[in-house]
Amino acid sequence: MFALSVEVVLHVTIASYFLGWESGFHYYFLPFILFIFINHKQSLLIIVFESAVVLGVDLWLLIYSSGETELLQHNLELIKALQIMNIGVNFLAIALLGDGLRTSSMRAEREMEQLASIDMLSGLYNRRKMYELLELEQIRLQRSDKSKVIELLRKEIASSDFS
């Protein structure tokens, strides 16, 4: 992770310094900050340090690379193309990070739902989940006028002591 951090900071610094602030390479820091904070394998101290370094480099670039460089001085089309490319790359990076967060969140939610409805000792549904399933089954059987079976099961579960 450290090597990746150094590579991104050097890439942005060199590109922005030599091509100028207007080239848009400083936009690479936006998804990079998200990536730093999402990485759960780093300590908070390292995350804060890396973020401070990125902020310092970004401010330094703003101050010292804001003027036009000789390379891009007369090529406004190239500046526009670099800006569009850099914004597109950053939107893609943020979208990929967002998709990763969404996938992780959905997986965690499914796991929590399963933990909340299954008894860990027996591996069977707990009472709350059984009532939920019985309710759905009762609705289905009411259409065929067989709901008395469900009422008998509900009474049996209520009178049983599972504890």
C-alpha atoms as a PDB file:
ATOM      1  CA  MET A   1       0.000   0.000   0.000  1.00  0.00           C
ATOM      2  CA  PHE A   2       2.850   2.351   0.803  1.00  0.00           C
ATOM      3  CA  ALA A   3       4.366   1.853  -2.654  1.00  0.00           C
ATOM      4  CA  LEU A   4       1.010   2.663  -4.269  1.00  0.00           C
ATOM      5  CA  SER A   5       0.687   5.804  -2.170  1.00  0.00           C
ATOM      6  CA  VAL A   6       4.149   6.984  -3.122  1.00  0.00           C
ATOM      7  CA  GLU A   7       3.485   6.225  -6.802  1.00  0.00           C
ATOM      8  CA  VAL A   8       0.235   8.213  -6.881  1.00  0.00           C
ATOM      9  CA  VAL A   9       1.733  11.211  -5.072  1.00  0.00           C
ATOM     10  CA  LEU A  10       4.815  11.227  -7.330  1.00  0.00           C
ATOM     11  CA  HIS A  11       2.714  10.784 -10.480  1.00  0.00           C
ATOM     12  CA  VAL A  12       0.414  13.662  -9.598  1.00  0.00           C
ATOM     13  CA  THR A  13       3.279  15.885  -8.432  1.00  0.00           C
ATOM     14  CA  ILE A  14       5.434  15.385 -11.523  1.00  0.00           C
ATOM     15  CA  ALA A  15       2.539  15.657 -13.986  1.00  0.00           C
ATOM     16  CA  SER A  16       1.038  18.726 -12.320  1.00  0.00           C
ATOM     17  CA  TYR A  17       4.376  20.477 -11.861  1.00  0.00           C
ATOM     18  CA  PHE A  18       5.564  20.024 -15.444  1.00  0.00           C
ATOM     19  CA  LEU A  19       2.206  20.239 -17.216  1.00  0.00           C
ATOM     20  CA  GLY A  20       0.668  22.816 -14.883  1.00  0.00           C
ATOM     21  CA  TRP A  21      -2.337  22.943 -12.593  1.00  0.00           C
ATOM     22  CA  GLU A  22      -4.612  23.379 -15.582  1.00  0.00           C
ATOM     23  CA  SER A  23      -3.751  19.875 -16.835  1.00  0.00           C
ATOM     24  CA  GLY A  24      -6.029  18.467 -14.115  1.00  0.00           C
ATOM     25  CA  PHE A  25      -3.702  15.783 -12.756  1.00  0.00           C
ATOM     26  CA  HIS A  26      -4.352  17.062  -9.234  1.00  0.00           C
ATOM     27  CA  TYR A  27      -7.834  15.508  -9.528  1.00  0.00           C
ATOM     28  CA  TYR A  28      -6.218  12.120  -8.928  1.00  0.00           C
ATOM     29  CA  PHE A  29      -6.022  13.008  -5.251  1.00  0.00           C
ATOM     30  CA  LEU A  30      -9.837  12.933  -4.876  1.00  0.00           C
ATOM     31  CA  PRO A  31     -10.363   9.160  -5.195  1.00  0.00           C
ATOM     32  CA  PHE A  32      -6.979   8.564  -3.600  1.00  0.00           C
ATOM     33  CA  ILE A  33      -8.150  10.167  -0.337  1.00  0.00           C
ATOM     34  CA  LEU A  34     -11.188   7.859  -0.358  1.00  0.00           C
ATOM     35  CA  PHE A  35      -8.925   4.886  -0.966  1.00  0.00           C
ATOM     36  CA  ILE A  36      -6.689   5.872   1.954  1.00  0.00           C
ATOM     37  CA  PHE A  37      -9.649   6.032   4.355  1.00  0.00           C
ATOM     38  CA  ILE A  38     -11.270   2.814   3.106  1.00  0.00           C
ATOM     39  CA  ASN A  39      -8.118   0.747   3.578  1.00  0.00           C
ATOM     40  CA  HIS A  40      -8.844  -1.055   6.855  1.00  0.00           C
ATOM     41  CA  LYS A  41      -5.339  -2.534   7.118  1.00  0.00           C
ATOM     42  CA  GLN A  42      -3.738   0.783   8.052  1.00  0.00           C
ATOM     43  CA  SER A  43      -3.753   2.409  11.434  1.00  0.00           C
ATOM     44  CA  LEU A  44      -5.523   5.725  11.941  1.00  0.00           C
ATOM     45  CA  LEU A  45      -2.173   7.444  12.495  1.00  0.00           C
ATOM     46  CA  ILE A  46      -0.890   6.344   9.068  1.00  0.00           C
ATOM     47  CA  ILE A  47      -4.196   7.342   7.430  1.00  0.00           C
ATOM     48  CA  VAL A  48      -4.028  10.833   8.955  1.00  0.00           C
ATOM     49  CA  PHE A  49      -0.334  11.155   8.003  1.00  0.00           C
ATOM     50  CA  GLU A  50      -0.922  10.109   4.379  1.00  0.00           C
ATOM     51  CA  SER A  51      -3.903  12.451   4.110  1.00  0.00           C
ATOM     52  CA  ALA A  52      -1.872  15.355   5.506  1.00  0.00           C
ATOM     53  CA  VAL A  53       0.927  14.655   3.004  1.00  0.00           C
ATOM     54  CA  VAL A  54      -1.569  14.565   0.125  1.00  0.00           C
ATOM     55  CA  LEU A  55      -3.151  17.828   1.293  1.00  0.00           C
ATOM     56  CA  GLY A  56       0.280  19.469   1.623  1.00  0.00           C
ATOM     57  CA  VAL A  57       1.373  18.317  -1.831  1.00  0.00           C
ATOM     58  CA  ASP A  58      -1.932  19.439  -3.358  1.00  0.00           C
ATOM     59  CA  LEU A  59      -1.646  22.914  -1.802  1.00  0.00           C
ATOM     60  CA  TRP A  60       2.002  23.158  -2.871  1.00  0.00           C
ATOM     61  CA  LEU A  61       1.005  22.241  -6.433  1.00  0.00           C
ATOM     62  CA  LEU A  62      -1.766  24.828  -6.392  1.00  0.00           C
ATOM     63  CA  ILE A  63       0.698  27.540  -5.395  1.00  0.00           C
ATOM     64  CA  TYR A  64       3.691  26.569  -7.556  1.00  0.00           C
ATOM     65  CA  SER A  65       2.106  25.084 -10.685  1.00  0.00           C
ATOM     66  CA  SER A  66      -0.802  27.446 -11.292  1.00  0.00           C
ATOM     67  CA  GLY A  67       0.896  29.393 -14.051  1.00  0.00           C
ATOM     68  CA  GLU A  68       1.036  28.265 -17.635  1.00  0.00           C
ATOM     69  CA  THR A  69       3.986  26.053 -18.507  1.00  0.00           C
ATOM     70  CA  GLU A  70       5.958  26.345 -21.734  1.00  0.00           C
ATOM     71  CA  LEU A  71       4.771  22.910 -22.804  1.00  0.00           C
ATOM     72  CA  LEU A  72       1.071  23.801 -22.658  1.00  0.00           C
ATOM     73  CA  GLN A  73       1.307  27.546 -23.157  1.00  0.00           C
ATOM     74  CA  HIS A  74      -0.306  27.655 -26.590  1.00  0.00           C
ATOM     75  CA  ASN A  75      -2.128  24.324 -26.688  1.00  0.00           C
ATOM     76  CA  LEU A  76      -5.565  24.905 -25.187  1.00  0.00           C
ATOM     77  CA  GLU A  77      -6.949  21.782 -26.900  1.00  0.00           C
ATOM     78  CA  LEU A  78      -4.402  19.604 -25.118  1.00  0.00           C
ATOM     79  CA  ILE A  79      -5.262  21.221 -21.783  1.00  0.00           C
ATOM     80  CA  LYS A  80      -8.976  20.547 -22.348  1.00  0.00           C
ATOM     81  CA  ALA A  81      -8.268  16.946 -23.395  1.00  0.00           C
ATOM     82  CA  LEU A  82      -6.114  16.353 -20.286  1.00  0.00           C
ATOM     83  CA  GLN A  83      -8.774  17.854 -18.027  1.00  0.00           C
ATOM     84  CA  ILE A  84     -11.546  15.715 -19.558  1.00  0.00           C
ATOM     85  CA  MET A  85      -9.385  12.580 -19.350  1.00  0.00           C
ATOM     86  CA  ASN A  86      -8.421  13.227 -15.736  1.00  0.00           C
ATOM     87  CA  ILE A  87     -11.992  13.937 -14.650  1.00  0.00           C
ATOM     88  CA  GLY A  88     -13.172  10.760 -16.413  1.00  0.00           C
ATOM     89  CA  VAL A  89     -10.499   8.641 -14.747  1.00  0.00           C
ATOM     90  CA  ASN A  90     -11.446  10.059 -11.365  1.00  0.00           C
ATOM     91  CA  PHE A  91     -15.157   9.442 -11.842  1.00  0.00           C
ATOM     92  CA  LEU A  92     -14.338   5.852 -12.787  1.00  0.00           C
ATOM     93  CA  ALA A  93     -12.125   5.426  -9.719  1.00  0.00           C
ATOM     94  CA  ILE A  94     -14.793   6.831  -7.407  1.00  0.00           C
ATOM     95  CA  ALA A  95     -17.448   4.636  -9.046  1.00  0.00           C
ATOM     96  CA  LEU A  96     -15.315   1.527  -8.508  1.00  0.00           C
ATOM     97  CA  LEU A  97     -14.744   2.462  -4.872  1.00  0.00           C
ATOM     98  CA  GLY A  98     -18.476   3.059  -4.448  1.00  0.00           C
ATOM     99  CA  ASP A  99     -19.300  -0.306  -5.998  1.00  0.00           C
ATOM    100  CA  GLY A 100     -16.854  -2.012  -3.649  1.00  0.00           C
ATOM    101  CA  LEU A 101     -18.458  -0.307  -0.648  1.00  0.00           C
ATOM    102  CA  ARG A 102     -21.947  -1.215  -1.885  1.00  0.00           C
ATOM    103  CA  THR A 103     -20.999  -4.862  -2.386  1.00  0.00           C
ATOM    104  CA  SER A 104     -19.381  -5.078   1.052  1.00  0.00           C
ATOM    105  CA  SER A 105     -22.378  -3.418   2.671  1.00  0.00           C
ATOM    106  CA  MET A 106     -24.848  -5.775   0.994  1.00  0.00           C
ATOM    107  CA  ARG A 107     -22.783  -8.823   2.018  1.00  0.00           C
ATOM    108  CA  ALA A 108     -22.602  -7.624   5.629  1.00  0.00           C
ATOM    109  CA  GLU A 109     -26.354  -6.957   5.657  1.00  0.00           C
ATOM    110  CA  ARG A 110     -27.096 -10.479   4.390  1.00  0.00           C
ATOM    111  CA  GLU A 111     -24.816 -11.974   7.029  1.00  0.00           C
ATOM    112  CA  MET A 112     -26.462  -9.937   9.795  1.00  0.00           C
ATOM    113  CA  GLU A 113     -29.914 -10.945   8.585  1.00  0.00           C
ATOM    114  CA  GLN A 114     -28.894 -14.595   8.654  1.00  0.00           C
ATOM    115  CA  LEU A 115     -27.390 -14.252  12.130  1.00  0.00           C
ATOM    116  CA  ALA A 116     -30.588 -12.582  13.347  1.00  0.00           C
ATOM    117  CA  SER A 117     -32.867 -15.369  12.111  1.00  0.00           C
ATOM    118  CA  ILE A 118     -30.947 -18.592  12.815  1.00  0.00           C
ATOM    119  CA  ASP A 119     -30.281 -20.134  16.191  1.00  0.00           C
ATOM    120  CA  MET A 120     -26.515 -20.612  16.403  1.00  0.00           C
ATOM    121  CA  LEU A 121     -26.729 -23.725  18.597  1.00  0.00           C
ATOM    122  CA  SER A 122     -29.199 -25.736  16.557  1.00  0.00           C
ATOM    123  CA  GLY A 123     -28.812 -24.105  13.149  1.00  0.00           C
ATOM    124  CA  LEU A 124     -32.623 -23.863  12.894  1.00  0.00           C
ATOM    125  CA  TYR A 125     -34.756 -20.775  12.430  1.00  0.00           C
ATOM    126  CA  ASN A 126     -35.454 -18.890  15.662  1.00  0.00           C
ATOM    127  CA  ARG A 127     -38.961 -18.154  16.906  1.00  0.00           C
ATOM    128  CA  ARG A 128     -39.163 -14.724  15.266  1.00  0.00           C
ATOM    129  CA  LYS A 129     -38.216 -16.122  11.863  1.00  0.00           C
ATOM    130  CA  MET A 130     -40.643 -19.025  12.272  1.00  0.00           C
ATOM    131  CA  TYR A 131     -43.488 -16.579  12.980  1.00  0.00           C
ATOM    132  CA  GLU A 132     -42.466 -14.596   9.910  1.00  0.00           C
ATOM    133  CA  LEU A 133     -42.581 -17.703   7.715  1.00  0.00           C
ATOM    134  CA  LEU A 134     -45.858 -18.833   9.258  1.00  0.00           C
ATOM    135  CA  GLU A 135     -47.388 -15.441   8.512  1.00  0.00           C
ATOM    136  CA  LEU A 136     -46.386 -15.714   4.865  1.00  0.00           C
ATOM    137  CA  GLU A 137     -47.688 -19.275   4.688  1.00  0.00           C
ATOM    138  CA  GLN A 138     -50.983 -18.264   6.311  1.00  0.00           C
ATOM    139  CA  ILE A 139     -51.513 -15.565   3.695  1.00  0.00           C
ATOM    140  CA  ARG A 140     -50.816 -18.096   0.963  1.00  0.00           C
ATOM    141  CA  LEU A 141     -53.103 -20.752   2.460  1.00  0.00           C
ATOM    142  CA  GLN A 142     -55.965 -18.314   3.113  1.00  0.00           C
ATOM    143  CA  ARG A 143     -56.445 -18.197  -0.622  1.00  0.00           C
ATOM    144  CA  SER A 144     -57.069 -21.972  -0.608  1.00  0.00           C
ATOM    145  CA  ASP A 145     -59.019 -21.940   2.695  1.00  0.00           C
ATOM    146  CA  LYS A 146     -56.478 -24.150   4.537  1.00  0.00           C
ATOM    147  CA  SER A 147     -55.362 -21.609   7.161  1.00  0.00           C
ATOM    148  CA  LYS A 148     -56.493 -23.735  10.132  1.00  0.00           C
ATOM    149  CA  VAL A 149     -53.299 -25.811   9.874  1.00  0.00           C
ATOM    150  CA  ILE A 150     -51.193 -22.688  10.329  1.00  0.00           C
ATOM    151  CA  GLU A 151     -53.214 -21.607  13.372  1.00  0.00           C
ATOM    152  CA  LEU A 152     -52.580 -24.983  14.983  1.00  0.00           C
ATOM    153  CA  LEU A 153     -48.832 -24.684  14.299  1.00  0.00           C
ATOM    154  CA  ARG A 154     -48.775 -21.133  15.653  1.00  0.00           C
ATOM    155  CA  LYS A 155     -50.477 -22.236  18.882  1.00  0.00           C
ATOM    156  CA  GLU A 156     -48.037 -25.142  19.210  1.00  0.00           C
ATOM    157  CA  ILE A 157     -45.015 -22.868  18.798  1.00  0.00           C
ATOM    158  CA  ALA A 158     -46.424 -20.334  21.250  1.00  0.00           C
ATOM    159  CA  SER A 159     -47.045 -22.964  23.889  1.00  0.00           C
ATOM    160  CA  SER A 160     -43.643 -24.639  23.449  1.00  0.00           C
ATOM    161  CA  ASP A 161     -40.732 -23.577  25.569  1.00  0.00           C
ATOM    162  CA  PHE A 162     -37.605 -23.385  23.363  1.00  0.00           C
ATOM    163  CA  SER A 163     -35.412 -21.758  25.957  1.00  0.00           C
END
